[in-house]
């Protein structure tokens, strides 16, 4: 992961939305991210794969669901940037809407998936 990778990730709104939710929640499954962002599973999965390939997030399979979280081995400066972006955008649209949708998702936090 290079400095260019983190800034490219943050430059795309879908990836930024996913990262801000992951920074806030710790880990989420694909269906939670789809529900929160109101975007299709293929679109979310494509962006998560990009983030995983860049070494920004890691995934873990649990049954039929795949959970993502920000890679703990991400350099501290990159973690700080993602966290600061998440905190700074929390009241902005579409990020505030994403958070509100996720909070209202049926079946949470028991997991998964009731969308």
C-alpha atoms as a PDB file:
ATOM      1  CA  UNK A   1       0.000   0.000   0.000  1.00  0.00           C
ATOM      2  CA  UNK A   2       1.384   3.365  -1.025  1.00  0.00           C
ATOM      3  CA  UNK A   3       0.325   6.908  -0.240  1.00  0.00           C
ATOM      4  CA  UNK A   4      -1.179   7.040  -3.736  1.00  0.00           C
ATOM      5  CA  UNK A   5      -3.366   4.001  -2.957  1.00  0.00           C
ATOM      6  CA  UNK A   6      -4.974   5.594   0.091  1.00  0.00           C
ATOM      7  CA  UNK A   7      -5.661   8.861  -1.693  1.00  0.00           C
ATOM      8  CA  UNK A   8      -7.049   7.062  -4.764  1.00  0.00           C
ATOM      9  CA  UNK A   9      -9.319   5.078  -2.458  1.00  0.00           C
ATOM     10  CA  UNK A  10     -10.554   8.237  -0.759  1.00  0.00           C
ATOM     11  CA  UNK A  11     -11.070   9.976  -4.116  1.00  0.00           C
ATOM     12  CA  UNK A  12     -13.878   7.580  -5.085  1.00  0.00           C
ATOM     13  CA  UNK A  13     -17.160   8.296  -3.296  1.00  0.00           C
ATOM     14  CA  UNK A  14     -18.264   4.658  -3.034  1.00  0.00           C
ATOM     15  CA  UNK A  15     -14.942   3.558  -1.551  1.00  0.00           C
ATOM     16  CA  UNK A  16     -14.927   6.576   0.767  1.00  0.00           C
ATOM     17  CA  UNK A  17     -18.452   5.756   1.946  1.00  0.00           C
ATOM     18  CA  UNK A  18     -17.435   2.154   2.662  1.00  0.00           C
ATOM     19  CA  UNK A  19     -14.273   3.226   4.478  1.00  0.00           C
ATOM     20  CA  UNK A  20     -16.090   5.776   6.626  1.00  0.00           C
ATOM     21  CA  UNK A  21     -18.631   3.146   7.663  1.00  0.00           C
ATOM     22  CA  UNK A  22     -15.881   0.626   8.400  1.00  0.00           C
ATOM     23  CA  UNK A  23     -13.939   3.214  10.408  1.00  0.00           C
ATOM     24  CA  UNK A  24     -17.072   3.903  12.442  1.00  0.00           C
ATOM     25  CA  UNK A  25     -18.328   0.329  12.911  1.00  0.00           C
ATOM     26  CA  UNK A  26     -15.117  -1.730  12.948  1.00  0.00           C
ATOM     27  CA  UNK A  27     -16.355  -4.439  10.606  1.00  0.00           C
ATOM     28  CA  UNK A  28     -19.361  -4.899   8.354  1.00  0.00           C
ATOM     29  CA  UNK A  29     -20.593  -7.517   5.956  1.00  0.00           C
ATOM     30  CA  UNK A  30     -21.274  -6.751   2.321  1.00  0.00           C
ATOM     31  CA  UNK A  31     -25.043  -6.770   2.867  1.00  0.00           C
ATOM     32  CA  UNK A  32     -24.739  -4.164   5.644  1.00  0.00           C
ATOM     33  CA  UNK A  33     -22.689  -1.926   3.363  1.00  0.00           C
ATOM     34  CA  UNK A  34     -25.218  -2.406   0.548  1.00  0.00           C
ATOM     35  CA  UNK A  35     -28.083  -1.551   2.867  1.00  0.00           C
ATOM     36  CA  UNK A  36     -26.345   1.501   4.336  1.00  0.00           C
ATOM     37  CA  UNK A  37     -25.281   2.949   0.990  1.00  0.00           C
ATOM     38  CA  UNK A  38     -28.358   1.819  -0.961  1.00  0.00           C
ATOM     39  CA  UNK A  39     -26.025   0.506  -3.670  1.00  0.00           C
ATOM     40  CA  UNK A  40     -26.025  -2.874  -5.402  1.00  0.00           C
ATOM     41  CA  UNK A  41     -24.052  -5.840  -4.112  1.00  0.00           C
ATOM     42  CA  UNK A  42     -21.922  -6.106  -7.283  1.00  0.00           C
ATOM     43  CA  UNK A  43     -20.936  -2.432  -7.042  1.00  0.00           C
ATOM     44  CA  UNK A  44     -20.054  -2.643  -3.341  1.00  0.00           C
ATOM     45  CA  UNK A  45     -18.176  -5.929  -3.829  1.00  0.00           C
ATOM     46  CA  UNK A  46     -16.175  -4.474  -6.730  1.00  0.00           C
ATOM     47  CA  UNK A  47     -15.091  -1.489  -4.614  1.00  0.00           C
ATOM     48  CA  UNK A  48     -14.305  -3.667  -1.599  1.00  0.00           C
ATOM     49  CA  UNK A  49     -12.170  -5.919  -3.815  1.00  0.00           C
ATOM     50  CA  UNK A  50     -10.257  -2.849  -4.957  1.00  0.00           C
ATOM     51  CA  UNK A  51      -9.700  -1.766  -1.344  1.00  0.00           C
ATOM     52  CA  UNK A  52      -8.609  -5.295  -0.425  1.00  0.00           C
ATOM     53  CA  UNK A  53      -6.201  -5.488  -3.382  1.00  0.00           C
ATOM     54  CA  UNK A  54      -4.669  -2.167  -2.321  1.00  0.00           C
ATOM     55  CA  UNK A  55      -4.135  -3.526   1.206  1.00  0.00           C
ATOM     56  CA  UNK A  56      -6.537  -1.070   2.834  1.00  0.00           C
ATOM     57  CA  UNK A  57      -9.151  -3.560   4.039  1.00  0.00           C
ATOM     58  CA  UNK A  58      -9.144  -7.255   4.874  1.00  0.00           C
ATOM     59  CA  UNK A  59     -11.996  -9.706   4.609  1.00  0.00           C
ATOM     60  CA  UNK A  60     -13.131 -12.720   6.574  1.00  0.00           C
ATOM     61  CA  UNK A  61     -15.707 -15.282   5.521  1.00  0.00           C
ATOM     62  CA  UNK A  62     -18.326 -16.399   8.026  1.00  0.00           C
ATOM     63  CA  UNK A  63     -20.719 -18.891   6.495  1.00  0.00           C
ATOM     64  CA  UNK A  64     -22.159 -17.333   3.368  1.00  0.00           C
ATOM     65  CA  UNK A  65     -21.253 -13.783   4.425  1.00  0.00           C
ATOM     66  CA  UNK A  66     -18.042 -11.873   3.948  1.00  0.00           C
ATOM     67  CA  UNK A  67     -17.073  -9.280   6.544  1.00  0.00           C
ATOM     68  CA  UNK A  68     -14.663  -6.423   5.891  1.00  0.00           C
ATOM     69  CA  UNK A  69     -12.610  -4.241   8.174  1.00  0.00           C
ATOM     70  CA  UNK A  70      -9.797  -1.760   7.796  1.00  0.00           C
ATOM     71  CA  UNK A  71      -6.509  -3.647   7.785  1.00  0.00           C
ATOM     72  CA  UNK A  72      -4.873  -3.377  11.212  1.00  0.00           C
ATOM     73  CA  UNK A  73      -1.487  -3.422   9.430  1.00  0.00           C
ATOM     74  CA  UNK A  74      -2.349  -0.246   7.520  1.00  0.00           C
ATOM     75  CA  UNK A  75       0.290   2.357   8.357  1.00  0.00           C
ATOM     76  CA  UNK A  76      -0.706   4.603  11.257  1.00  0.00           C
ATOM     77  CA  UNK A  77      -0.716   7.726   9.053  1.00  0.00           C
ATOM     78  CA  UNK A  78      -3.203   6.054   6.679  1.00  0.00           C
ATOM     79  CA  UNK A  79      -5.420   4.892   9.564  1.00  0.00           C
ATOM     80  CA  UNK A  80      -5.400   8.459  10.886  1.00  0.00           C
ATOM     81  CA  UNK A  81      -6.453   9.844   7.499  1.00  0.00           C
ATOM     82  CA  UNK A  82      -9.346   7.387   7.191  1.00  0.00           C
ATOM     83  CA  UNK A  83     -10.469   8.042  10.771  1.00  0.00           C
ATOM     84  CA  UNK A  84     -10.257  11.819  10.353  1.00  0.00           C
ATOM     85  CA  UNK A  85     -12.231  11.645   7.094  1.00  0.00           C
ATOM     86  CA  UNK A  86     -14.862   9.471   8.766  1.00  0.00           C
ATOM     87  CA  UNK A  87     -15.264  11.850  11.688  1.00  0.00           C
ATOM     88  CA  UNK A  88     -15.256  14.947   9.504  1.00  0.00           C
ATOM     89  CA  UNK A  89     -17.864  13.611   7.085  1.00  0.00           C
ATOM     90  CA  UNK A  90     -20.242  12.047   9.605  1.00  0.00           C
ATOM     91  CA  UNK A  91     -22.762  14.911   9.371  1.00  0.00           C
ATOM     92  CA  UNK A  92     -22.485  15.371   5.586  1.00  0.00           C
ATOM     93  CA  UNK A  93     -24.694  13.803   2.933  1.00  0.00           C
ATOM     94  CA  UNK A  94     -24.466  10.956   1.879  1.00  0.00           C
ATOM     95  CA  UNK A  95     -22.422   9.826   4.891  1.00  0.00           C
ATOM     96  CA  UNK A  96     -24.999  10.836   7.508  1.00  0.00           C
ATOM     97  CA  UNK A  97     -27.688   9.059   5.484  1.00  0.00           C
ATOM     98  CA  UNK A  98     -25.537   5.912   5.308  1.00  0.00           C
ATOM     99  CA  UNK A  99     -25.116   5.897   9.089  1.00  0.00           C
ATOM    100  CA  UNK A 100     -28.853   6.428   9.652  1.00  0.00           C
ATOM    101  CA  UNK A 101     -29.776   3.611   7.239  1.00  0.00           C
ATOM    102  CA  UNK A 102     -27.341   1.237   8.910  1.00  0.00           C
ATOM    103  CA  UNK A 103     -28.761   2.030  12.355  1.00  0.00           C
ATOM    104  CA  UNK A 104     -32.268   1.214  11.103  1.00  0.00           C
ATOM    105  CA  UNK A 105     -31.300  -2.058   9.403  1.00  0.00           C
ATOM    106  CA  UNK A 106     -33.378  -4.953  10.680  1.00  0.00           C
ATOM    107  CA  UNK A 107     -31.443  -7.804  12.222  1.00  0.00           C
ATOM    108  CA  UNK A 108     -28.541  -5.727  13.444  1.00  0.00           C
ATOM    109  CA  UNK A 109     -26.419  -6.206  15.394  1.00  0.00           C
ATOM    110  CA  UNK A 110     -27.175  -9.936  15.718  1.00  0.00           C
ATOM    111  CA  UNK A 111     -25.897 -10.509  12.172  1.00  0.00           C
ATOM    112  CA  UNK A 112     -26.622 -11.278   9.337  1.00  0.00           C
ATOM    113  CA  UNK A 113     -28.656 -10.467   7.135  1.00  0.00           C
ATOM    114  CA  UNK A 114     -32.163  -9.172   7.264  1.00  0.00           C
ATOM    115  CA  UNK A 115     -32.006  -6.578   4.500  1.00  0.00           C
END
